[in-house]
N, C-alpha and C. Protein backbone atom coordinates (compact mmCIF):
# COMPACT_ATOMS: atom_id res chain seq x y z
N UNK A 1 -13.61 -24.86 -67.03
CA UNK A 1 -14.86 -25.06 -66.30
C UNK A 1 -15.99 -25.10 -67.32
N UNK A 2 -16.66 -26.20 -67.37
CA UNK A 2 -17.70 -26.38 -68.37
C UNK A 2 -19.07 -26.41 -67.74
N UNK A 3 -19.64 -25.27 -67.46
CA UNK A 3 -20.99 -25.24 -66.90
C UNK A 3 -21.54 -23.84 -66.98
N UNK A 4 -22.85 -23.73 -67.06
CA UNK A 4 -23.49 -22.42 -67.15
C UNK A 4 -23.42 -21.65 -65.84
N UNK A 5 -23.25 -22.33 -64.73
CA UNK A 5 -23.25 -21.66 -63.43
C UNK A 5 -21.84 -21.45 -62.92
N UNK A 6 -21.05 -20.76 -63.69
CA UNK A 6 -19.67 -20.51 -63.31
C UNK A 6 -19.62 -19.50 -62.18
N UNK A 7 -18.60 -19.60 -61.34
CA UNK A 7 -18.48 -18.65 -60.23
C UNK A 7 -18.01 -17.30 -60.74
N UNK A 8 -18.28 -16.28 -59.95
CA UNK A 8 -17.79 -14.95 -60.30
C UNK A 8 -16.31 -14.87 -59.95
N UNK A 9 -15.62 -13.95 -60.60
CA UNK A 9 -14.21 -13.73 -60.30
C UNK A 9 -14.05 -13.32 -58.83
N UNK A 10 -14.99 -12.53 -58.33
CA UNK A 10 -14.93 -12.09 -56.93
C UNK A 10 -15.01 -13.29 -55.99
N UNK A 11 -15.94 -14.23 -56.26
CA UNK A 11 -16.04 -15.42 -55.41
C UNK A 11 -14.74 -16.21 -55.46
N UNK A 12 -14.20 -16.43 -56.64
CA UNK A 12 -12.96 -17.21 -56.77
C UNK A 12 -11.81 -16.56 -56.01
N UNK A 13 -11.70 -15.24 -56.11
CA UNK A 13 -10.63 -14.54 -55.38
C UNK A 13 -10.83 -14.69 -53.88
N UNK A 14 -12.06 -14.48 -53.40
CA UNK A 14 -12.35 -14.55 -51.97
C UNK A 14 -12.15 -15.97 -51.44
N UNK A 15 -12.68 -16.97 -52.14
CA UNK A 15 -12.57 -18.35 -51.67
C UNK A 15 -11.12 -18.84 -51.72
N UNK A 16 -10.39 -18.48 -52.76
CA UNK A 16 -8.99 -18.87 -52.86
C UNK A 16 -8.17 -18.26 -51.72
N UNK A 17 -8.42 -17.01 -51.43
CA UNK A 17 -7.71 -16.35 -50.33
C UNK A 17 -8.05 -17.01 -49.00
N UNK A 18 -9.32 -17.35 -48.79
CA UNK A 18 -9.75 -18.02 -47.56
C UNK A 18 -9.08 -19.39 -47.42
N UNK A 19 -9.06 -20.14 -48.50
CA UNK A 19 -8.42 -21.46 -48.49
C UNK A 19 -6.95 -21.33 -48.14
N UNK A 20 -6.25 -20.42 -48.81
CA UNK A 20 -4.80 -20.27 -48.60
C UNK A 20 -4.47 -19.70 -47.22
N UNK A 21 -5.21 -18.68 -46.78
CA UNK A 21 -4.90 -18.09 -45.48
C UNK A 21 -5.23 -19.06 -44.34
N UNK A 22 -6.30 -19.83 -44.47
CA UNK A 22 -6.64 -20.80 -43.42
C UNK A 22 -5.62 -21.93 -43.38
N UNK A 23 -5.14 -22.35 -44.53
CA UNK A 23 -4.10 -23.38 -44.58
C UNK A 23 -2.86 -22.90 -43.83
N UNK A 24 -2.43 -21.67 -44.12
CA UNK A 24 -1.26 -21.10 -43.45
C UNK A 24 -1.50 -20.97 -41.95
N UNK A 25 -2.71 -20.55 -41.55
CA UNK A 25 -3.05 -20.40 -40.13
C UNK A 25 -2.85 -21.71 -39.38
N UNK A 26 -3.39 -22.80 -39.91
CA UNK A 26 -3.36 -24.08 -39.20
C UNK A 26 -2.03 -24.80 -39.32
N UNK A 27 -1.41 -24.75 -40.49
CA UNK A 27 -0.22 -25.58 -40.72
C UNK A 27 1.09 -24.82 -40.55
N UNK A 28 1.05 -23.49 -40.66
CA UNK A 28 2.27 -22.71 -40.64
C UNK A 28 3.04 -22.77 -41.95
N UNK A 29 2.41 -23.33 -42.98
CA UNK A 29 3.04 -23.46 -44.30
C UNK A 29 2.20 -22.74 -45.35
N UNK A 30 2.81 -22.45 -46.48
CA UNK A 30 2.10 -21.84 -47.59
C UNK A 30 1.57 -22.94 -48.52
N UNK A 31 0.32 -22.84 -48.94
CA UNK A 31 -0.26 -23.81 -49.86
C UNK A 31 0.34 -23.64 -51.25
N UNK A 32 0.52 -22.40 -51.67
CA UNK A 32 1.10 -22.10 -52.97
C UNK A 32 2.51 -21.58 -52.78
N UNK A 33 3.45 -22.23 -53.38
CA UNK A 33 4.85 -21.85 -53.24
C UNK A 33 5.25 -20.87 -54.34
N UNK A 34 6.33 -20.15 -54.11
CA UNK A 34 6.89 -19.29 -55.15
C UNK A 34 6.24 -17.93 -55.23
N UNK A 35 6.14 -17.43 -56.45
CA UNK A 35 5.65 -16.08 -56.70
C UNK A 35 4.26 -15.84 -56.12
N UNK A 36 3.97 -14.62 -55.79
CA UNK A 36 2.64 -14.27 -55.29
C UNK A 36 1.74 -14.10 -56.50
N UNK A 37 1.19 -12.98 -56.77
CA UNK A 37 0.38 -12.81 -57.98
C UNK A 37 -1.04 -13.30 -57.81
N UNK A 38 -1.62 -13.74 -58.90
CA UNK A 38 -3.03 -14.12 -58.97
C UNK A 38 -3.28 -15.44 -58.24
N UNK A 39 -3.62 -15.34 -56.96
CA UNK A 39 -3.84 -16.52 -56.13
C UNK A 39 -4.97 -17.38 -56.67
N UNK A 40 -6.06 -16.76 -57.11
CA UNK A 40 -7.21 -17.53 -57.60
C UNK A 40 -6.81 -18.39 -58.80
N UNK A 41 -6.10 -17.82 -59.74
CA UNK A 41 -5.70 -18.58 -60.92
C UNK A 41 -4.65 -19.63 -60.57
N UNK A 42 -3.70 -19.28 -59.72
CA UNK A 42 -2.66 -20.23 -59.33
C UNK A 42 -3.24 -21.43 -58.59
N UNK A 43 -4.22 -21.19 -57.71
CA UNK A 43 -4.84 -22.29 -56.99
C UNK A 43 -5.67 -23.15 -57.94
N UNK A 44 -6.41 -22.51 -58.84
CA UNK A 44 -7.24 -23.27 -59.78
C UNK A 44 -6.38 -24.14 -60.69
N UNK A 45 -5.20 -23.67 -61.06
CA UNK A 45 -4.32 -24.40 -61.99
C UNK A 45 -3.24 -25.21 -61.28
N UNK A 46 -3.28 -25.32 -59.96
CA UNK A 46 -2.25 -26.06 -59.21
C UNK A 46 -2.20 -27.52 -59.67
N UNK A 47 -1.07 -28.18 -59.40
CA UNK A 47 -0.91 -29.57 -59.82
C UNK A 47 -1.36 -30.57 -58.75
N UNK A 48 -2.11 -30.10 -57.77
CA UNK A 48 -2.71 -30.95 -56.75
C UNK A 48 -4.19 -30.58 -56.66
N UNK A 49 -4.98 -31.49 -56.13
CA UNK A 49 -6.42 -31.25 -56.02
C UNK A 49 -6.73 -30.43 -54.76
N UNK A 50 -7.64 -29.47 -54.89
CA UNK A 50 -8.13 -28.67 -53.77
C UNK A 50 -9.64 -28.57 -53.88
N UNK A 51 -10.33 -28.83 -52.78
CA UNK A 51 -11.77 -28.70 -52.70
C UNK A 51 -12.12 -28.02 -51.39
N UNK A 52 -13.29 -27.39 -51.34
CA UNK A 52 -13.79 -26.90 -50.06
C UNK A 52 -15.29 -27.11 -50.02
N UNK A 53 -15.81 -27.18 -48.81
CA UNK A 53 -17.26 -27.26 -48.64
C UNK A 53 -17.71 -26.25 -47.60
N UNK A 54 -19.00 -25.97 -47.62
CA UNK A 54 -19.58 -24.94 -46.76
C UNK A 54 -19.92 -25.51 -45.39
N UNK A 55 -20.72 -24.76 -44.62
CA UNK A 55 -21.05 -25.15 -43.24
C UNK A 55 -22.49 -25.60 -43.07
N UNK A 56 -23.18 -25.91 -44.16
CA UNK A 56 -24.56 -26.41 -44.03
C UNK A 56 -24.57 -27.68 -43.17
N UNK A 57 -25.73 -28.04 -42.62
CA UNK A 57 -25.81 -29.30 -41.86
C UNK A 57 -25.34 -30.50 -42.70
N UNK A 58 -25.63 -30.48 -43.99
CA UNK A 58 -25.06 -31.45 -44.92
C UNK A 58 -24.19 -30.64 -45.88
N UNK A 59 -22.90 -30.50 -45.57
CA UNK A 59 -22.02 -29.62 -46.35
C UNK A 59 -21.98 -29.98 -47.84
N UNK A 60 -21.94 -28.93 -48.66
CA UNK A 60 -21.90 -29.05 -50.12
C UNK A 60 -20.60 -28.42 -50.59
N UNK A 61 -19.95 -29.07 -51.55
CA UNK A 61 -18.74 -28.48 -52.11
C UNK A 61 -19.06 -27.10 -52.68
N UNK A 62 -18.20 -26.13 -52.41
CA UNK A 62 -18.37 -24.79 -52.97
C UNK A 62 -17.16 -24.34 -53.78
N UNK A 63 -16.13 -25.19 -53.83
CA UNK A 63 -14.94 -24.88 -54.62
C UNK A 63 -14.25 -26.19 -55.00
N UNK A 64 -13.74 -26.24 -56.20
CA UNK A 64 -12.88 -27.33 -56.66
C UNK A 64 -11.98 -26.77 -57.73
N UNK A 65 -10.70 -27.07 -57.64
CA UNK A 65 -9.82 -26.62 -58.71
C UNK A 65 -9.87 -27.61 -59.88
N UNK A 66 -9.13 -27.30 -60.93
CA UNK A 66 -9.19 -28.11 -62.15
C UNK A 66 -8.82 -29.57 -61.89
N UNK A 67 -7.76 -29.82 -61.11
CA UNK A 67 -7.35 -31.20 -60.83
C UNK A 67 -8.45 -31.93 -60.07
N UNK A 68 -9.08 -31.29 -59.10
CA UNK A 68 -10.15 -31.93 -58.33
C UNK A 68 -11.34 -32.28 -59.22
N UNK A 69 -11.71 -31.36 -60.10
CA UNK A 69 -12.83 -31.66 -61.01
C UNK A 69 -12.50 -32.83 -61.91
N UNK A 70 -11.28 -32.88 -62.41
CA UNK A 70 -10.86 -33.99 -63.27
C UNK A 70 -10.86 -35.30 -62.46
N UNK A 71 -10.36 -35.26 -61.25
CA UNK A 71 -10.28 -36.44 -60.40
C UNK A 71 -11.66 -37.03 -60.11
N UNK A 72 -12.62 -36.15 -59.82
CA UNK A 72 -13.98 -36.61 -59.52
C UNK A 72 -14.85 -36.73 -60.77
N UNK A 73 -14.33 -36.35 -61.94
CA UNK A 73 -15.06 -36.49 -63.19
C UNK A 73 -16.28 -35.59 -63.29
N UNK A 74 -16.18 -34.39 -62.74
CA UNK A 74 -17.31 -33.45 -62.72
C UNK A 74 -16.87 -32.08 -63.19
N UNK A 75 -17.84 -31.32 -63.70
CA UNK A 75 -17.57 -29.92 -64.03
C UNK A 75 -17.96 -29.06 -62.82
N UNK A 76 -17.74 -27.77 -62.93
CA UNK A 76 -18.00 -26.85 -61.81
C UNK A 76 -19.44 -26.97 -61.30
N UNK A 77 -20.40 -26.92 -62.18
CA UNK A 77 -21.81 -26.98 -61.77
C UNK A 77 -22.17 -28.26 -61.06
N UNK A 78 -21.60 -29.37 -61.50
CA UNK A 78 -21.90 -30.66 -60.86
C UNK A 78 -21.25 -30.75 -59.48
N UNK A 79 -19.99 -30.42 -59.40
CA UNK A 79 -19.29 -30.62 -58.12
C UNK A 79 -19.76 -29.63 -57.06
N UNK A 80 -20.17 -28.42 -57.47
CA UNK A 80 -20.63 -27.45 -56.47
C UNK A 80 -22.10 -27.63 -56.10
N UNK A 81 -22.72 -28.68 -56.56
CA UNK A 81 -24.06 -29.07 -56.09
C UNK A 81 -23.99 -30.36 -55.28
N UNK A 82 -22.79 -30.94 -55.17
CA UNK A 82 -22.63 -32.25 -54.55
C UNK A 82 -22.39 -32.13 -53.04
N UNK A 83 -23.27 -32.73 -52.22
CA UNK A 83 -22.94 -32.82 -50.80
C UNK A 83 -21.62 -33.57 -50.67
N UNK A 84 -20.69 -33.05 -49.89
CA UNK A 84 -19.34 -33.61 -49.85
C UNK A 84 -19.32 -35.07 -49.39
N UNK A 85 -20.30 -35.48 -48.60
CA UNK A 85 -20.29 -36.87 -48.14
C UNK A 85 -20.45 -37.85 -49.29
N UNK A 86 -21.02 -37.41 -50.42
CA UNK A 86 -21.19 -38.30 -51.57
C UNK A 86 -19.89 -38.52 -52.33
N UNK A 87 -18.81 -37.88 -51.91
CA UNK A 87 -17.52 -38.14 -52.53
C UNK A 87 -16.89 -39.42 -51.98
N UNK A 88 -17.50 -39.97 -50.91
CA UNK A 88 -17.05 -41.24 -50.34
C UNK A 88 -18.14 -42.28 -50.57
N UNK A 89 -17.74 -43.54 -50.72
CA UNK A 89 -18.72 -44.60 -50.89
C UNK A 89 -19.58 -44.70 -49.63
N UNK A 90 -20.86 -45.08 -49.77
CA UNK A 90 -21.76 -45.14 -48.61
C UNK A 90 -21.22 -45.91 -47.42
N UNK A 91 -20.57 -47.03 -47.63
CA UNK A 91 -20.09 -47.81 -46.49
C UNK A 91 -18.94 -47.13 -45.77
N UNK A 92 -18.33 -46.12 -46.38
CA UNK A 92 -17.21 -45.42 -45.76
C UNK A 92 -17.61 -44.08 -45.16
N UNK A 93 -18.87 -43.70 -45.29
CA UNK A 93 -19.29 -42.38 -44.84
C UNK A 93 -19.19 -42.22 -43.32
N UNK A 94 -19.43 -43.28 -42.57
CA UNK A 94 -19.31 -43.18 -41.11
C UNK A 94 -17.87 -42.91 -40.72
N UNK A 95 -16.92 -43.59 -41.38
CA UNK A 95 -15.50 -43.35 -41.13
C UNK A 95 -15.15 -41.90 -41.50
N UNK A 96 -15.68 -41.41 -42.63
CA UNK A 96 -15.41 -40.04 -43.07
C UNK A 96 -15.96 -39.03 -42.07
N UNK A 97 -17.16 -39.29 -41.53
CA UNK A 97 -17.77 -38.38 -40.56
C UNK A 97 -16.91 -38.28 -39.30
N UNK A 98 -16.39 -39.39 -38.83
CA UNK A 98 -15.52 -39.38 -37.65
C UNK A 98 -14.24 -38.60 -37.92
N UNK A 99 -13.69 -38.75 -39.11
CA UNK A 99 -12.49 -38.02 -39.49
C UNK A 99 -12.77 -36.51 -39.49
N UNK A 100 -13.89 -36.08 -40.08
CA UNK A 100 -14.21 -34.66 -40.14
C UNK A 100 -14.43 -34.07 -38.75
N UNK A 101 -14.93 -34.88 -37.83
CA UNK A 101 -15.07 -34.41 -36.45
C UNK A 101 -13.68 -34.17 -35.84
N UNK A 102 -12.72 -35.01 -36.17
CA UNK A 102 -11.34 -34.83 -35.68
C UNK A 102 -10.75 -33.54 -36.24
N UNK A 103 -11.02 -33.25 -37.52
CA UNK A 103 -10.55 -32.00 -38.12
C UNK A 103 -11.19 -30.81 -37.40
N UNK A 104 -12.50 -30.90 -37.17
CA UNK A 104 -13.21 -29.80 -36.50
C UNK A 104 -12.62 -29.53 -35.12
N UNK A 105 -12.25 -30.58 -34.42
CA UNK A 105 -11.73 -30.43 -33.06
C UNK A 105 -10.30 -29.89 -33.02
N UNK A 106 -9.47 -30.24 -34.00
CA UNK A 106 -8.05 -29.88 -33.97
C UNK A 106 -7.65 -28.82 -35.00
N UNK A 107 -8.56 -28.45 -35.88
CA UNK A 107 -8.26 -27.42 -36.87
C UNK A 107 -7.78 -27.96 -38.19
N UNK A 108 -6.96 -29.00 -38.15
CA UNK A 108 -6.51 -29.62 -39.39
C UNK A 108 -5.91 -30.99 -39.10
N UNK A 109 -5.81 -31.79 -40.14
CA UNK A 109 -5.16 -33.08 -40.11
C UNK A 109 -4.38 -33.17 -41.41
N UNK A 110 -3.13 -33.61 -41.35
CA UNK A 110 -2.33 -33.63 -42.57
C UNK A 110 -1.83 -35.01 -42.97
N UNK A 111 -2.53 -36.03 -42.52
CA UNK A 111 -2.10 -37.40 -42.83
C UNK A 111 -3.25 -38.28 -43.29
N UNK A 112 -4.24 -37.70 -43.94
CA UNK A 112 -5.44 -38.46 -44.28
C UNK A 112 -5.28 -39.25 -45.57
N UNK A 113 -5.70 -40.49 -45.54
CA UNK A 113 -5.81 -41.32 -46.73
C UNK A 113 -7.17 -41.99 -46.68
N UNK A 114 -7.80 -42.14 -47.82
CA UNK A 114 -9.10 -42.79 -47.85
C UNK A 114 -9.62 -43.01 -49.25
N UNK A 115 -10.61 -43.88 -49.36
CA UNK A 115 -11.23 -44.18 -50.64
C UNK A 115 -12.21 -43.09 -51.03
N UNK A 116 -12.23 -42.77 -52.30
CA UNK A 116 -13.18 -41.82 -52.85
C UNK A 116 -13.77 -42.40 -54.13
N UNK A 117 -14.85 -41.79 -54.59
CA UNK A 117 -15.52 -42.29 -55.78
C UNK A 117 -15.84 -41.13 -56.72
N UNK A 118 -15.54 -41.35 -57.99
CA UNK A 118 -15.81 -40.34 -59.01
C UNK A 118 -17.24 -40.49 -59.52
N UNK A 119 -17.68 -39.55 -60.30
CA UNK A 119 -19.03 -39.53 -60.85
C UNK A 119 -19.37 -40.81 -61.61
N UNK A 120 -18.40 -41.34 -62.34
CA UNK A 120 -18.64 -42.54 -63.14
C UNK A 120 -18.51 -43.84 -62.35
N UNK A 121 -18.30 -43.74 -61.03
CA UNK A 121 -18.19 -44.92 -60.18
C UNK A 121 -16.76 -45.40 -59.98
N UNK A 122 -15.81 -44.78 -60.67
CA UNK A 122 -14.41 -45.14 -60.50
C UNK A 122 -13.97 -44.86 -59.07
N UNK A 123 -13.33 -45.84 -58.45
CA UNK A 123 -12.84 -45.66 -57.09
C UNK A 123 -11.35 -45.31 -57.14
N UNK A 124 -10.92 -44.46 -56.22
CA UNK A 124 -9.51 -44.11 -56.13
C UNK A 124 -9.16 -43.84 -54.67
N UNK A 125 -7.89 -44.01 -54.39
CA UNK A 125 -7.38 -43.80 -53.03
C UNK A 125 -6.66 -42.47 -52.99
N UNK A 126 -7.09 -41.59 -52.08
CA UNK A 126 -6.35 -40.35 -51.86
C UNK A 126 -5.35 -40.62 -50.73
N UNK A 127 -4.16 -40.02 -50.86
CA UNK A 127 -3.10 -40.30 -49.91
C UNK A 127 -2.46 -39.02 -49.42
N UNK A 128 -2.15 -39.00 -48.12
CA UNK A 128 -1.47 -37.86 -47.49
C UNK A 128 -2.20 -36.54 -47.70
N UNK A 129 -3.50 -36.57 -47.68
CA UNK A 129 -4.29 -35.35 -47.85
C UNK A 129 -4.26 -34.51 -46.56
N UNK A 130 -4.34 -33.21 -46.74
CA UNK A 130 -4.49 -32.29 -45.62
C UNK A 130 -5.91 -31.75 -45.68
N UNK A 131 -6.60 -31.79 -44.56
CA UNK A 131 -7.95 -31.25 -44.45
C UNK A 131 -7.92 -30.25 -43.31
N UNK A 132 -8.49 -29.07 -43.54
CA UNK A 132 -8.42 -28.02 -42.53
C UNK A 132 -9.70 -27.20 -42.50
N UNK A 133 -9.92 -26.56 -41.33
CA UNK A 133 -11.06 -25.67 -41.15
C UNK A 133 -10.77 -24.34 -41.85
N UNK A 134 -11.79 -23.79 -42.46
CA UNK A 134 -11.69 -22.47 -43.10
C UNK A 134 -12.22 -21.43 -42.12
N UNK A 135 -11.34 -20.51 -41.73
CA UNK A 135 -11.72 -19.44 -40.81
C UNK A 135 -11.59 -18.11 -41.52
N UNK A 136 -12.63 -17.27 -41.41
CA UNK A 136 -12.54 -15.94 -42.01
C UNK A 136 -11.72 -15.02 -41.10
N UNK A 137 -11.60 -13.76 -41.48
CA UNK A 137 -10.78 -12.81 -40.73
C UNK A 137 -11.25 -12.61 -39.29
N UNK A 138 -12.55 -12.84 -39.05
CA UNK A 138 -13.09 -12.70 -37.70
C UNK A 138 -12.99 -14.01 -36.91
N UNK A 139 -12.41 -15.06 -37.50
CA UNK A 139 -12.29 -16.34 -36.83
C UNK A 139 -13.54 -17.19 -36.89
N UNK A 140 -14.47 -16.84 -37.77
CA UNK A 140 -15.73 -17.58 -37.90
C UNK A 140 -15.52 -18.73 -38.89
N UNK A 141 -15.97 -19.92 -38.50
CA UNK A 141 -15.86 -21.10 -39.34
C UNK A 141 -16.69 -20.91 -40.61
N UNK A 142 -16.04 -21.11 -41.77
CA UNK A 142 -16.71 -20.97 -43.07
C UNK A 142 -16.78 -22.29 -43.83
N UNK A 143 -16.28 -23.36 -43.23
CA UNK A 143 -16.30 -24.66 -43.88
C UNK A 143 -15.00 -25.39 -43.67
N UNK A 144 -14.71 -26.31 -44.54
CA UNK A 144 -13.47 -27.06 -44.50
C UNK A 144 -12.94 -27.19 -45.92
N UNK A 145 -11.64 -27.39 -46.03
CA UNK A 145 -10.99 -27.57 -47.33
C UNK A 145 -10.09 -28.79 -47.26
N UNK A 146 -9.77 -29.31 -48.44
CA UNK A 146 -8.85 -30.44 -48.54
C UNK A 146 -7.89 -30.20 -49.69
N UNK A 147 -6.65 -30.59 -49.45
CA UNK A 147 -5.63 -30.59 -50.48
C UNK A 147 -5.17 -32.02 -50.64
N UNK A 148 -5.29 -32.53 -51.85
CA UNK A 148 -4.96 -33.92 -52.15
C UNK A 148 -3.74 -33.94 -53.06
N UNK A 149 -2.56 -34.24 -52.51
CA UNK A 149 -1.36 -34.21 -53.34
C UNK A 149 -1.14 -35.51 -54.13
N UNK A 150 -1.68 -36.63 -53.62
CA UNK A 150 -1.44 -37.92 -54.26
C UNK A 150 -2.72 -38.74 -54.27
N UNK A 151 -2.91 -39.49 -55.32
CA UNK A 151 -4.04 -40.40 -55.44
C UNK A 151 -3.65 -41.48 -56.43
N UNK A 152 -4.39 -42.59 -56.33
CA UNK A 152 -4.17 -43.66 -57.30
C UNK A 152 -5.48 -44.40 -57.53
N UNK A 153 -5.70 -44.80 -58.77
CA UNK A 153 -6.92 -45.53 -59.10
C UNK A 153 -6.90 -46.92 -58.46
N UNK A 154 -8.07 -47.45 -58.19
CA UNK A 154 -8.17 -48.81 -57.63
C UNK A 154 -8.83 -49.72 -58.64
């Protein structure tokens, strides 16, 4: 992570746990397979992309693992200041908004594919992504997360 505004270890542990527990809640599957241990580090170093955004009226990314930052060509400080809608090209934002409404209504969707754009303008297709609502222990919505297992440049 190359930025002066790095997250605290406490935030990473809390957000990683929220991402993983919410994924299990909605899908009935574990996001991280195998050994337990340091969930924050394992999620950050996973071989798939993971991002989450908050619940603001215009949601902003609040977490990205190493693969996600590399995919979008941003460091921690850049990606965690980015409204998530800017990860899609402007002409596709209406389609993205409708998709996120479907996630909000059903809790998760595990078959999403769509165009995304990196910081340098490079376009890529994400495939078979899972997007889910983040619920805290009290069942309060804390945002949404995405796991992107496959992508290809366009």
